[in-house]
Amino acid sequence: TLAQLVYNDVSVEGFFDLKAWVSVSEEFDVVRVTKTILQSVSF
């Protein structure tokens, strides 16, 4: 919840060129996480 508040804050929106959110969880898969970040920033 705290991370979401930071991520969605209006002042954050204008400061960063790119944003990505990945839920990693117990099943750590570096390929999946990297791909999710890539898709988030490239749309």
PDB file of all heavy atoms in Angstrom:
ATOM      1  N   THR A   1       0.832  -1.205   0.000  1.00  0.00           N
ATOM      2  CA  THR A   1       0.000   0.000   0.000  1.00  0.00           C
ATOM      3  C   THR A   1       0.868   1.257   0.000  1.00  0.00           C
ATOM      4  O   THR A   1       0.607   2.206  -0.747  1.00  0.00           O
ATOM      5  CB  THR A   1      -0.943   0.002   1.217  1.00  0.00           C
ATOM      6  OG1 THR A   1      -1.764  -1.162   1.152  1.00  0.00           O
ATOM      7  CG2 THR A   1      -1.807   1.243   1.253  1.00  0.00           C
ATOM      8  N   LEU A   2       1.916   1.269   0.803  1.00  0.00           N
ATOM      9  CA  LEU A   2       2.813   2.418   0.846  1.00  0.00           C
ATOM     10  C   LEU A   2       3.497   2.605  -0.508  1.00  0.00           C
ATOM     11  O   LEU A   2       3.574   3.727  -1.028  1.00  0.00           O
ATOM     12  CB  LEU A   2       3.851   2.255   1.960  1.00  0.00           C
ATOM     13  CG  LEU A   2       4.849   3.397   2.113  1.00  0.00           C
ATOM     14  CD1 LEU A   2       4.145   4.721   2.384  1.00  0.00           C
ATOM     15  CD2 LEU A   2       5.839   3.071   3.228  1.00  0.00           C
ATOM     16  N   ALA A   3       3.976   1.513  -1.095  1.00  0.00           N
ATOM     17  CA  ALA A   3       4.620   1.604  -2.408  1.00  0.00           C
ATOM     18  C   ALA A   3       3.631   2.112  -3.466  1.00  0.00           C
ATOM     19  O   ALA A   3       3.992   2.912  -4.335  1.00  0.00           O
ATOM     20  CB  ALA A   3       5.196   0.254  -2.814  1.00  0.00           C
ATOM     21  N   GLN A   4       2.373   1.677  -3.397  1.00  0.00           N
ATOM     22  CA  GLN A   4       1.352   2.147  -4.343  1.00  0.00           C
ATOM     23  C   GLN A   4       1.113   3.646  -4.200  1.00  0.00           C
ATOM     24  O   GLN A   4       0.933   4.349  -5.201  1.00  0.00           O
ATOM     25  CB  GLN A   4       0.032   1.404  -4.125  1.00  0.00           C
ATOM     26  CG  GLN A   4       0.045  -0.008  -4.634  1.00  0.00           C
ATOM     27  CD  GLN A   4      -1.194  -0.801  -4.224  1.00  0.00           C
ATOM     28  OE1 GLN A   4      -1.857  -0.474  -3.239  1.00  0.00           O
ATOM     29  NE2 GLN A   4      -1.491  -1.841  -4.976  1.00  0.00           N
ATOM     30  N   LEU A   5       1.099   4.131  -2.966  1.00  0.00           N
ATOM     31  CA  LEU A   5       0.906   5.564  -2.749  1.00  0.00           C
ATOM     32  C   LEU A   5       2.028   6.374  -3.396  1.00  0.00           C
ATOM     33  O   LEU A   5       1.783   7.416  -4.014  1.00  0.00           O
ATOM     34  CB  LEU A   5       0.820   5.878  -1.257  1.00  0.00           C
ATOM     35  CG  LEU A   5      -0.461   5.420  -0.563  1.00  0.00           C
ATOM     36  CD1 LEU A   5      -0.335   5.584   0.953  1.00  0.00           C
ATOM     37  CD2 LEU A   5      -1.670   6.181  -1.081  1.00  0.00           C
ATOM     38  N   VAL A   6       3.252   5.907  -3.258  1.00  0.00           N
ATOM     39  CA  VAL A   6       4.393   6.581  -3.893  1.00  0.00           C
ATOM     40  C   VAL A   6       4.275   6.480  -5.410  1.00  0.00           C
ATOM     41  O   VAL A   6       4.382   7.480  -6.130  1.00  0.00           O
ATOM     42  CB  VAL A   6       5.734   5.978  -3.413  1.00  0.00           C
ATOM     43  CG1 VAL A   6       6.906   6.524  -4.216  1.00  0.00           C
ATOM     44  CG2 VAL A   6       5.936   6.236  -1.924  1.00  0.00           C
ATOM     45  N   TYR A   7       4.051   5.292  -5.912  1.00  0.00           N
ATOM     46  CA  TYR A   7       3.989   5.024  -7.359  1.00  0.00           C
ATOM     47  C   TYR A   7       2.911   5.870  -8.047  1.00  0.00           C
ATOM     48  O   TYR A   7       3.111   6.372  -9.150  1.00  0.00           O
ATOM     49  CB  TYR A   7       3.715   3.539  -7.573  1.00  0.00           C
ATOM     50  CG  TYR A   7       3.809   3.075  -9.011  1.00  0.00           C
ATOM     51  CD1 TYR A   7       5.037   2.746  -9.579  1.00  0.00           C
ATOM     52  CD2 TYR A   7       2.663   2.939  -9.792  1.00  0.00           C
ATOM     53  CE1 TYR A   7       5.123   2.299 -10.877  1.00  0.00           C
ATOM     54  CE2 TYR A   7       2.745   2.490 -11.092  1.00  0.00           C
ATOM     55  CZ  TYR A   7       3.974   2.168 -11.634  1.00  0.00           C
ATOM     56  OH  TYR A   7       4.055   1.720 -12.938  1.00  0.00           O
ATOM     57  N   ASN A   8       1.773   6.043  -7.388  1.00  0.00           N
ATOM     58  CA  ASN A   8       0.643   6.747  -7.992  1.00  0.00           C
ATOM     59  C   ASN A   8       0.574   8.234  -7.640  1.00  0.00           C
ATOM     60  O   ASN A   8      -0.341   8.925  -8.073  1.00  0.00           O
ATOM     61  CB  ASN A   8      -0.672   6.066  -7.593  1.00  0.00           C
ATOM     62  CG  ASN A   8      -0.771   4.682  -8.182  1.00  0.00           C
ATOM     63  OD1 ASN A   8      -0.421   4.454  -9.327  1.00  0.00           O
ATOM     64  ND2 ASN A   8      -1.234   3.733  -7.391  1.00  0.00           N
ATOM     65  N   ASP A   9       1.533   8.733  -6.862  1.00  0.00           N
ATOM     66  CA  ASP A   9       1.524  10.135  -6.467  1.00  0.00           C
ATOM     67  C   ASP A   9       1.695  11.033  -7.694  1.00  0.00           C
ATOM     68  O   ASP A   9       2.490  10.743  -8.590  1.00  0.00           O
ATOM     69  CB  ASP A   9       2.650  10.395  -5.466  1.00  0.00           C
ATOM     70  CG  ASP A   9       2.559  11.776  -4.869  1.00  0.00           C
ATOM     71  OD1 ASP A   9       1.848  11.947  -3.862  1.00  0.00           O
ATOM     72  OD2 ASP A   9       3.190  12.706  -5.437  1.00  0.00           O
ATOM     73  N   VAL A  10       0.955  12.122  -7.729  1.00  0.00           N
ATOM     74  CA  VAL A  10       0.970  13.039  -8.871  1.00  0.00           C
ATOM     75  C   VAL A  10       2.367  13.616  -9.112  1.00  0.00           C
ATOM     76  O   VAL A  10       2.805  13.750 -10.254  1.00  0.00           O
ATOM     77  CB  VAL A  10      -0.059  14.179  -8.658  1.00  0.00           C
ATOM     78  CG1 VAL A  10       0.017  15.214  -9.757  1.00  0.00           C
ATOM     79  CG2 VAL A  10      -1.458  13.603  -8.563  1.00  0.00           C
ATOM     80  N   SER A  11       3.088  13.937  -8.047  1.00  0.00           N
ATOM     81  CA  SER A  11       4.420  14.522  -8.221  1.00  0.00           C
ATOM     82  C   SER A  11       5.409  13.520  -8.797  1.00  0.00           C
ATOM     83  O   SER A  11       6.371  13.895  -9.470  1.00  0.00           O
ATOM     84  CB  SER A  11       4.942  15.086  -6.902  1.00  0.00           C
ATOM     85  OG  SER A  11       5.074  14.067  -5.942  1.00  0.00           O
ATOM     86  N   VAL A  12       5.177  12.246  -8.570  1.00  0.00           N
ATOM     87  CA  VAL A  12       6.026  11.195  -9.132  1.00  0.00           C
ATOM     88  C   VAL A  12       5.816  11.104 -10.637  1.00  0.00           C
ATOM     89  O   VAL A  12       6.755  10.886 -11.408  1.00  0.00           O
ATOM     90  CB  VAL A  12       5.714   9.835  -8.446  1.00  0.00           C
ATOM     91  CG1 VAL A  12       6.314   8.673  -9.205  1.00  0.00           C
ATOM     92  CG2 VAL A  12       6.215   9.853  -7.010  1.00  0.00           C
ATOM     93  N   GLU A  13       4.588  11.309 -11.063  1.00  0.00           N
ATOM     94  CA  GLU A  13       4.222  11.198 -12.476  1.00  0.00           C
ATOM     95  C   GLU A  13       5.088  12.092 -13.363  1.00  0.00           C
ATOM     96  O   GLU A  13       5.569  11.674 -14.399  1.00  0.00           O
ATOM     97  CB  GLU A  13       2.739  11.549 -12.649  1.00  0.00           C
ATOM     98  CG  GLU A  13       2.142  11.070 -13.934  1.00  0.00           C
ATOM     99  CD  GLU A  13       2.085   9.562 -14.045  1.00  0.00           C
ATOM    100  OE1 GLU A  13       1.731   8.896 -13.060  1.00  0.00           O
ATOM    101  OE2 GLU A  13       2.416   9.044 -15.132  1.00  0.00           O
ATOM    102  N   GLY A  14       5.297  13.316 -12.950  1.00  0.00           N
ATOM    103  CA  GLY A  14       6.063  14.241 -13.772  1.00  0.00           C
ATOM    104  C   GLY A  14       7.570  14.116 -13.620  1.00  0.00           C
ATOM    105  O   GLY A  14       8.323  14.639 -14.432  1.00  0.00           O
ATOM    106  N   PHE A  15       8.022  13.426 -12.599  1.00  0.00           N
ATOM    107  CA  PHE A  15       9.457  13.342 -12.323  1.00  0.00           C
ATOM    108  C   PHE A  15      10.155  12.249 -13.128  1.00  0.00           C
ATOM    109  O   PHE A  15      11.295  12.415 -13.549  1.00  0.00           O
ATOM    110  CB  PHE A  15       9.679  13.112 -10.827  1.00  0.00           C
ATOM    111  CG  PHE A  15      11.115  13.152 -10.416  1.00  0.00           C
ATOM    112  CD1 PHE A  15      11.784  14.362 -10.289  1.00  0.00           C
ATOM    113  CD2 PHE A  15      11.805  11.984 -10.155  1.00  0.00           C
ATOM    114  CE1 PHE A  15      13.112  14.398  -9.917  1.00  0.00           C
ATOM    115  CE2 PHE A  15      13.141  12.014  -9.776  1.00  0.00           C
ATOM    116  CZ  PHE A  15      13.791  13.225  -9.658  1.00  0.00           C
ATOM    117  N   PHE A  16       9.464  11.124 -13.345  1.00  0.00           N
ATOM    118  CA  PHE A  16      10.080   9.975 -14.007  1.00  0.00           C
ATOM    119  C   PHE A  16       9.636   9.872 -15.461  1.00  0.00           C
ATOM    120  O   PHE A  16       8.479  10.118 -15.790  1.00  0.00           O
ATOM    121  CB  PHE A  16       9.721   8.678 -13.272  1.00  0.00           C
ATOM    122  CG  PHE A  16      10.285   8.623 -11.880  1.00  0.00           C
ATOM    123  CD1 PHE A  16       9.484   8.894 -10.781  1.00  0.00           C
ATOM    124  CD2 PHE A  16      11.619   8.329 -11.673  1.00  0.00           C
ATOM    125  CE1 PHE A  16      10.000   8.858  -9.495  1.00  0.00           C
ATOM    126  CE2 PHE A  16      12.150   8.290 -10.387  1.00  0.00           C
ATOM    127  CZ  PHE A  16      11.339   8.558  -9.298  1.00  0.00           C
ATOM    128  N   ASP A  17      10.573   9.469 -16.314  1.00  0.00           N
ATOM    129  CA  ASP A  17      10.257   9.238 -17.729  1.00  0.00           C
ATOM    130  C   ASP A  17       9.499   7.927 -17.906  1.00  0.00           C
ATOM    131  O   ASP A  17       8.624   7.826 -18.760  1.00  0.00           O
ATOM    132  CB  ASP A  17      11.553   9.175 -18.557  1.00  0.00           C
ATOM    133  CG  ASP A  17      12.390  10.436 -18.423  1.00  0.00           C
ATOM    134  OD1 ASP A  17      11.823  11.531 -18.549  1.00  0.00           O
ATOM    135  OD2 ASP A  17      13.606  10.313 -18.179  1.00  0.00           O
ATOM    136  N   LEU A  18       9.863   6.930 -17.110  1.00  0.00           N
ATOM    137  CA  LEU A  18       9.283   5.589 -17.234  1.00  0.00           C
ATOM    138  C   LEU A  18       8.955   5.039 -15.856  1.00  0.00           C
ATOM    139  O   LEU A  18       9.684   5.302 -14.889  1.00  0.00           O
ATOM    140  CB  LEU A  18      10.277   4.632 -17.913  1.00  0.00           C
ATOM    141  CG  LEU A  18      10.776   5.016 -19.304  1.00  0.00           C
ATOM    142  CD1 LEU A  18      11.927   4.108 -19.723  1.00  0.00           C
ATOM    143  CD2 LEU A  18       9.641   4.938 -20.310  1.00  0.00           C
ATOM    144  N   LYS A  19       7.877   4.281 -15.781  1.00  0.00           N
ATOM    145  CA  LYS A  19       7.499   3.621 -14.530  1.00  0.00           C
ATOM    146  C   LYS A  19       7.084   2.189 -14.821  1.00  0.00           C
ATOM    147  O   LYS A  19       6.506   1.903 -15.869  1.00  0.00           O
ATOM    148  CB  LYS A  19       6.303   4.320 -13.870  1.00  0.00           C
ATOM    149  CG  LYS A  19       6.587   5.676 -13.334  1.00  0.00           C
ATOM    150  CD  LYS A  19       5.467   6.346 -12.559  1.00  0.00           C
ATOM    151  CE  LYS A  19       4.138   5.727 -12.562  1.00  0.00           C
ATOM    152  NZ  LYS A  19       3.132   6.410 -11.738  1.00  0.00           N
ATOM    153  N   ALA A  20       7.376   1.304 -13.865  1.00  0.00           N
ATOM    154  CA  ALA A  20       6.943  -0.090 -13.979  1.00  0.00           C
ATOM    155  C   ALA A  20       6.684  -0.646 -12.593  1.00  0.00           C
ATOM    156  O   ALA A  20       7.372  -0.302 -11.628  1.00  0.00           O
ATOM    157  CB  ALA A  20       8.002  -0.929 -14.680  1.00  0.00           C
ATOM    158  N   TRP A  21       5.686  -1.516 -12.505  1.00  0.00           N
ATOM    159  CA  TRP A  21       5.336  -2.196 -11.257  1.00  0.00           C
ATOM    160  C   TRP A  21       5.304  -3.689 -11.547  1.00  0.00           C
ATOM    161  O   TRP A  21       4.649  -4.128 -12.480  1.00  0.00           O
ATOM    162  CB  TRP A  21       3.956  -1.751 -10.787  1.00  0.00           C
ATOM    163  CG  TRP A  21       3.534  -2.382  -9.495  1.00  0.00           C
ATOM    164  CD1 TRP A  21       3.151  -3.687  -9.308  1.00  0.00           C
ATOM    165  CD2 TRP A  21       3.463  -1.757  -8.218  1.00  0.00           C
ATOM    166  NE1 TRP A  21       2.856  -3.908  -7.994  1.00  0.00           N
ATOM    167  CE2 TRP A  21       3.036  -2.740  -7.300  1.00  0.00           C
ATOM    168  CE3 TRP A  21       3.712  -0.471  -7.771  1.00  0.00           C
ATOM    169  CZ2 TRP A  21       2.856  -2.457  -5.950  1.00  0.00           C
ATOM    170  CZ3 TRP A  21       3.534  -0.203  -6.427  1.00  0.00           C
ATOM    171  CH2 TRP A  21       3.104  -1.188  -5.535  1.00  0.00           C
ATOM    172  N   VAL A  22       6.013  -4.466 -10.733  1.00  0.00           N
ATOM    173  CA  VAL A  22       6.010  -5.918 -10.890  1.00  0.00           C
ATOM    174  C   VAL A  22       5.767  -6.572  -9.539  1.00  0.00           C
ATOM    175  O   VAL A  22       6.465  -6.280  -8.570  1.00  0.00           O
ATOM    176  CB  VAL A  22       7.348  -6.443 -11.460  1.00  0.00           C
ATOM    177  CG1 VAL A  22       7.289  -7.955 -11.662  1.00  0.00           C
ATOM    178  CG2 VAL A  22       7.706  -5.756 -12.760  1.00  0.00           C
ATOM    179  N   SER A  23       4.767  -7.444  -9.485  1.00  0.00           N
ATOM    180  CA  SER A  23       4.552  -8.276  -8.298  1.00  0.00           C
ATOM    181  C   SER A  23       5.441  -9.501  -8.450  1.00  0.00           C
ATOM    182  O   SER A  23       5.242 -10.305  -9.355  1.00  0.00           O
ATOM    183  CB  SER A  23       3.087  -8.692  -8.200  1.00  0.00           C
ATOM    184  OG  SER A  23       2.293  -7.549  -8.009  1.00  0.00           O
ATOM    185  N   VAL A  24       6.427  -9.621  -7.592  1.00  0.00           N
ATOM    186  CA  VAL A  24       7.419 -10.686  -7.732  1.00  0.00           C
ATOM    187  C   VAL A  24       6.952 -11.944  -7.005  1.00  0.00           C
ATOM    188  O   VAL A  24       6.874 -13.012  -7.596  1.00  0.00           O
ATOM    189  CB  VAL A  24       8.802 -10.234  -7.215  1.00  0.00           C
ATOM    190  CG1 VAL A  24       9.824 -11.341  -7.366  1.00  0.00           C
ATOM    191  CG2 VAL A  24       9.248  -8.971  -7.964  1.00  0.00           C
ATOM    192  N   SER A  25       6.697 -11.851  -5.714  1.00  0.00           N
ATOM    193  CA  SER A  25       6.175 -12.933  -4.884  1.00  0.00           C
ATOM    194  C   SER A  25       7.143 -14.097  -4.722  1.00  0.00           C
ATOM    195  O   SER A  25       8.317 -13.992  -5.032  1.00  0.00           O
ATOM    196  CB  SER A  25       4.824 -13.393  -5.424  1.00  0.00           C
ATOM    197  OG  SER A  25       4.027 -13.851  -4.370  1.00  0.00           O
ATOM    198  N   GLU A  26       6.609 -15.221  -4.220  1.00  0.00           N
ATOM    199  CA  GLU A  26       7.454 -16.372  -3.887  1.00  0.00           C
ATOM    200  C   GLU A  26       8.091 -17.015  -5.109  1.00  0.00           C
ATOM    201  O   GLU A  26       9.218 -17.465  -5.064  1.00  0.00           O
ATOM    202  CB  GLU A  26       6.629 -17.436  -3.149  1.00  0.00           C
ATOM    203  CG  GLU A  26       6.408 -17.117  -1.698  1.00  0.00           C
ATOM    204  CD  GLU A  26       5.683 -18.233  -0.990  1.00  0.00           C
ATOM    205  OE1 GLU A  26       6.345 -19.230  -0.643  1.00  0.00           O
ATOM    206  OE2 GLU A  26       4.463 -18.096  -0.798  1.00  0.00           O
ATOM    207  N   GLU A  27       7.363 -17.085  -6.192  1.00  0.00           N
ATOM    208  CA  GLU A  27       7.837 -17.747  -7.405  1.00  0.00           C
ATOM    209  C   GLU A  27       8.743 -16.786  -8.175  1.00  0.00           C
ATOM    210  O   GLU A  27       8.301 -16.100  -9.094  1.00  0.00           O
ATOM    211  CB  GLU A  27       6.639 -18.177  -8.269  1.00  0.00           C
ATOM    212  CG  GLU A  27       6.973 -19.049  -9.434  1.00  0.00           C
ATOM    213  CD  GLU A  27       7.369 -20.459  -9.043  1.00  0.00           C
ATOM    214  OE1 GLU A  27       6.883 -20.954  -8.005  1.00  0.00           O
ATOM    215  OE2 GLU A  27       8.166 -21.066  -9.763  1.00  0.00           O
ATOM    216  N   PHE A  28      10.013 -16.724  -7.785  1.00  0.00           N
ATOM    217  CA  PHE A  28      10.952 -15.784  -8.394  1.00  0.00           C
ATOM    218  C   PHE A  28      11.428 -16.326  -9.733  1.00  0.00           C
ATOM    219  O   PHE A  28      12.066 -17.365  -9.810  1.00  0.00           O
ATOM    220  CB  PHE A  28      12.153 -15.555  -7.475  1.00  0.00           C
ATOM    221  CG  PHE A  28      13.100 -14.513  -7.986  1.00  0.00           C
ATOM    222  CD1 PHE A  28      12.876 -13.179  -7.718  1.00  0.00           C
ATOM    223  CD2 PHE A  28      14.211 -14.868  -8.737  1.00  0.00           C
ATOM    224  CE1 PHE A  28      13.749 -12.202  -8.186  1.00  0.00           C
ATOM    225  CE2 PHE A  28      15.079 -13.903  -9.201  1.00  0.00           C
ATOM    226  CZ  PHE A  28      14.853 -12.572  -8.933  1.00  0.00           C
ATOM    227  N   ASP A  29      11.099 -15.604 -10.785  1.00  0.00           N
ATOM    228  CA  ASP A  29      11.498 -15.982 -12.138  1.00  0.00           C
ATOM    229  C   ASP A  29      12.051 -14.722 -12.796  1.00  0.00           C
ATOM    230  O   ASP A  29      11.295 -13.840 -13.203  1.00  0.00           O
ATOM    231  CB  ASP A  29      10.291 -16.529 -12.904  1.00  0.00           C
ATOM    232  CG  ASP A  29      10.600 -16.913 -14.330  1.00  0.00           C
ATOM    233  OD1 ASP A  29      11.725 -16.652 -14.815  1.00  0.00           O
ATOM    234  OD2 ASP A  29       9.705 -17.480 -14.983  1.00  0.00           O
ATOM    235  N   VAL A  30      13.364 -14.644 -12.903  1.00  0.00           N
ATOM    236  CA  VAL A  30      14.004 -13.426 -13.404  1.00  0.00           C
ATOM    237  C   VAL A  30      13.577 -13.127 -14.840  1.00  0.00           C
ATOM    238  O   VAL A  30      13.449 -11.959 -15.220  1.00  0.00           O
ATOM    239  CB  VAL A  30      15.539 -13.486 -13.247  1.00  0.00           C
ATOM    240  CG1 VAL A  30      16.162 -14.472 -14.208  1.00  0.00           C
ATOM    241  CG2 VAL A  30      16.158 -12.110 -13.395  1.00  0.00           C
ATOM    242  N   VAL A  31      13.312 -14.142 -15.653  1.00  0.00           N
ATOM    243  CA  VAL A  31      12.845 -13.918 -17.024  1.00  0.00           C
ATOM    244  C   VAL A  31      11.464 -13.261 -17.000  1.00  0.00           C
ATOM    245  O   VAL A  31      11.224 -12.261 -17.686  1.00  0.00           O
ATOM    246  CB  VAL A  31      12.822 -15.238 -17.839  1.00  0.00           C
ATOM    247  CG1 VAL A  31      12.134 -15.042 -19.178  1.00  0.00           C
ATOM    248  CG2 VAL A  31      14.232 -15.768 -18.034  1.00  0.00           C
ATOM    249  N   ARG A  32      10.553 -13.790 -16.195  1.00  0.00           N
ATOM    250  CA  ARG A  32       9.201 -13.229 -16.105  1.00  0.00           C
ATOM    251  C   ARG A  32       9.225 -11.801 -15.589  1.00  0.00           C
ATOM    252  O   ARG A  32       8.574 -10.908 -16.134  1.00  0.00           O
ATOM    253  CB  ARG A  32       8.320 -14.090 -15.189  1.00  0.00           C
ATOM    254  CG  ARG A  32       6.887 -13.515 -15.021  1.00  0.00           C
ATOM    255  CD  ARG A  32       6.096 -14.216 -13.935  1.00  0.00           C
ATOM    256  NE  ARG A  32       6.598 -14.032 -12.592  1.00  0.00           N
ATOM    257  CZ  ARG A  32       6.349 -12.964 -11.837  1.00  0.00           C
ATOM    258  NH1 ARG A  32       5.634 -11.962 -12.287  1.00  0.00           N
ATOM    259  NH2 ARG A  32       6.840 -12.877 -10.607  1.00  0.00           N
ATOM    260  N   VAL A  33      10.000 -11.561 -14.541  1.00  0.00           N
ATOM    261  CA  VAL A  33      10.058 -10.223 -13.955  1.00  0.00           C
ATOM    262  C   VAL A  33      10.668  -9.232 -14.948  1.00  0.00           C
ATOM    263  O   VAL A  33      10.137  -8.135 -15.148  1.00  0.00           O
ATOM    264  CB  VAL A  33      10.843 -10.241 -12.625  1.00  0.00           C
ATOM    265  CG1 VAL A  33      11.054  -8.832 -12.097  1.00  0.00           C
ATOM    266  CG2 VAL A  33      10.127 -11.102 -11.594  1.00  0.00           C
ATOM    267  N   THR A  34      11.750  -9.612 -15.589  1.00  0.00           N
ATOM    268  CA  THR A  34      12.399  -8.744 -16.570  1.00  0.00           C
ATOM    269  C   THR A  34      11.461  -8.450 -17.728  1.00  0.00           C
ATOM    270  O   THR A  34      11.340  -7.304 -18.181  1.00  0.00           O
ATOM    271  CB  THR A  34      13.710  -9.375 -17.082  1.00  0.00           C
ATOM    272  OG1 THR A  34      14.564  -9.644 -15.968  1.00  0.00           O
ATOM    273  CG2 THR A  34      14.427  -8.455 -18.058  1.00  0.00           C
ATOM    274  N   LYS A  35      10.763  -9.465 -18.204  1.00  0.00           N
ATOM    275  CA  LYS A  35       9.822  -9.294 -19.311  1.00  0.00           C
ATOM    276  C   LYS A  35       8.677  -8.355 -18.907  1.00  0.00           C
ATOM    277  O   LYS A  35       8.269  -7.494 -19.689  1.00  0.00           O
ATOM    278  CB  LYS A  35       9.249 -10.648 -19.756  1.00  0.00           C
ATOM    279  CG  LYS A  35       8.377 -10.544 -20.993  1.00  0.00           C
ATOM    280  CD  LYS A  35       7.702 -11.852 -21.342  1.00  0.00           C
ATOM    281  CE  LYS A  35       8.649 -12.814 -21.966  1.00  0.00           C
ATOM    282  NZ  LYS A  35       7.942 -13.966 -22.572  1.00  0.00           N
ATOM    283  N   THR A  36       8.186  -8.501 -17.696  1.00  0.00           N
ATOM    284  CA  THR A  36       7.106  -7.634 -17.221  1.00  0.00           C
ATOM    285  C   THR A  36       7.565  -6.183 -17.154  1.00  0.00           C
ATOM    286  O   THR A  36       6.832  -5.275 -17.567  1.00  0.00           O
ATOM    287  CB  THR A  36       6.596  -8.105 -15.846  1.00  0.00           C
ATOM    288  OG1 THR A  36       6.150  -9.456 -15.955  1.00  0.00           O
ATOM    289  CG2 THR A  36       5.458  -7.236 -15.348  1.00  0.00           C
ATOM    290  N   ILE A  37       8.761  -5.943 -16.644  1.00  0.00           N
ATOM    291  CA  ILE A  37       9.298  -4.577 -16.604  1.00  0.00           C
ATOM    292  C   ILE A  37       9.427  -4.036 -18.025  1.00  0.00           C
ATOM    293  O   ILE A  37       9.005  -2.911 -18.317  1.00  0.00           O
ATOM    294  CB  ILE A  37      10.659  -4.530 -15.882  1.00  0.00           C
ATOM    295  CG1 ILE A  37      10.529  -4.945 -14.424  1.00  0.00           C
ATOM    296  CG2 ILE A  37      11.277  -3.130 -15.996  1.00  0.00           C
ATOM    297  CD1 ILE A  37      11.856  -5.208 -13.735  1.00  0.00           C
ATOM    298  N   LEU A  38       9.995  -4.831 -18.910  1.00  0.00           N
ATOM    299  CA  LEU A  38      10.189  -4.421 -20.301  1.00  0.00           C
ATOM    300  C   LEU A  38       8.863  -4.039 -20.957  1.00  0.00           C
ATOM    301  O   LEU A  38       8.747  -2.986 -21.594  1.00  0.00           O
ATOM    302  CB  LEU A  38      10.869  -5.550 -21.079  1.00  0.00           C
ATOM    303  CG  LEU A  38      11.117  -5.302 -22.561  1.00  0.00           C
ATOM    304  CD1 LEU A  38      12.039  -4.105 -22.773  1.00  0.00           C
ATOM    305  CD2 LEU A  38      11.711  -6.552 -23.197  1.00  0.00           C
ATOM    306  N   GLN A  39       7.860  -4.870 -20.780  1.00  0.00           N
ATOM    307  CA  GLN A  39       6.550  -4.588 -21.369  1.00  0.00           C
ATOM    308  C   GLN A  39       5.910  -3.344 -20.758  1.00  0.00           C
ATOM    309  O   GLN A  39       5.248  -2.575 -21.443  1.00  0.00           O
ATOM    310  CB  GLN A  39       5.630  -5.804 -21.234  1.00  0.00           C
ATOM    311  CG  GLN A  39       6.063  -6.957 -22.101  1.00  0.00           C
ATOM    312  CD  GLN A  39       5.229  -8.222 -21.948  1.00  0.00           C
ATOM    313  OE1 GLN A  39       5.211  -9.033 -22.837  1.00  0.00           O
ATOM    314  NE2 GLN A  39       4.545  -8.415 -20.838  1.00  0.00           N
ATOM    315  N   SER A  40       6.140  -3.134 -19.466  1.00  0.00           N
ATOM    316  CA  SER A  40       5.572  -1.965 -18.791  1.00  0.00           C
ATOM    317  C   SER A  40       6.175  -0.658 -19.283  1.00  0.00           C
ATOM    318  O   SER A  40       5.471   0.330 -19.428  1.00  0.00           O
ATOM    319  CB  SER A  40       5.774  -2.070 -17.279  1.00  0.00           C
ATOM    320  OG  SER A  40       5.042  -3.140 -16.756  1.00  0.00           O
ATOM    321  N   VAL A  41       7.468  -0.650 -19.518  1.00  0.00           N
ATOM    322  CA  VAL A  41       8.112   0.599 -19.936  1.00  0.00           C
ATOM    323  C   VAL A  41       8.039   0.819 -21.445  1.00  0.00           C
ATOM    324  O   VAL A  41       8.120   1.955 -21.901  1.00  0.00           O
ATOM    325  CB  VAL A  41       9.580   0.709 -19.443  1.00  0.00           C
ATOM    326  CG1 VAL A  41       9.635   0.713 -17.924  1.00  0.00           C
ATOM    327  CG2 VAL A  41      10.462  -0.367 -20.026  1.00  0.00           C
ATOM    328  N   SER A  42       7.854  -0.248 -22.209  1.00  0.00           N
ATOM    329  CA  SER A  42       7.785  -0.098 -23.667  1.00  0.00           C
ATOM    330  C   SER A  42       6.354  -0.027 -24.175  1.00  0.00           C
ATOM    331  O   SER A  42       6.120   0.369 -25.310  1.00  0.00           O
ATOM    332  CB  SER A  42       8.499  -1.267 -24.357  1.00  0.00           C
ATOM    333  OG  SER A  42       7.767  -2.468 -24.202  1.00  0.00           O
ATOM    334  N   PHE A  43       5.397  -0.456 -23.347  1.00  0.00           N
ATOM    335  CA  PHE A  43       3.981  -0.529 -23.722  1.00  0.00           C
ATOM    336  C   PHE A  43       3.769  -1.454 -24.930  1.00  0.00           C
ATOM    337  O   PHE A  43       2.867  -1.254 -25.718  1.00  0.00           O
ATOM    338  CB  PHE A  43       3.385   0.861 -24.009  1.00  0.00           C
ATOM    339  CG  PHE A  43       3.480   1.792 -22.844  1.00  0.00           C
ATOM    340  CD1 PHE A  43       4.451   2.770 -22.804  1.00  0.00           C
ATOM    341  CD2 PHE A  43       2.600   1.673 -21.781  1.00  0.00           C
ATOM    342  CE1 PHE A  43       4.544   3.629 -21.720  1.00  0.00           C
ATOM    343  CE2 PHE A  43       2.685   2.530 -20.690  1.00  0.00           C
ATOM    344  CZ  PHE A  43       3.661   3.510 -20.667  1.00  0.00           C
TER     345      PHE A  43
END
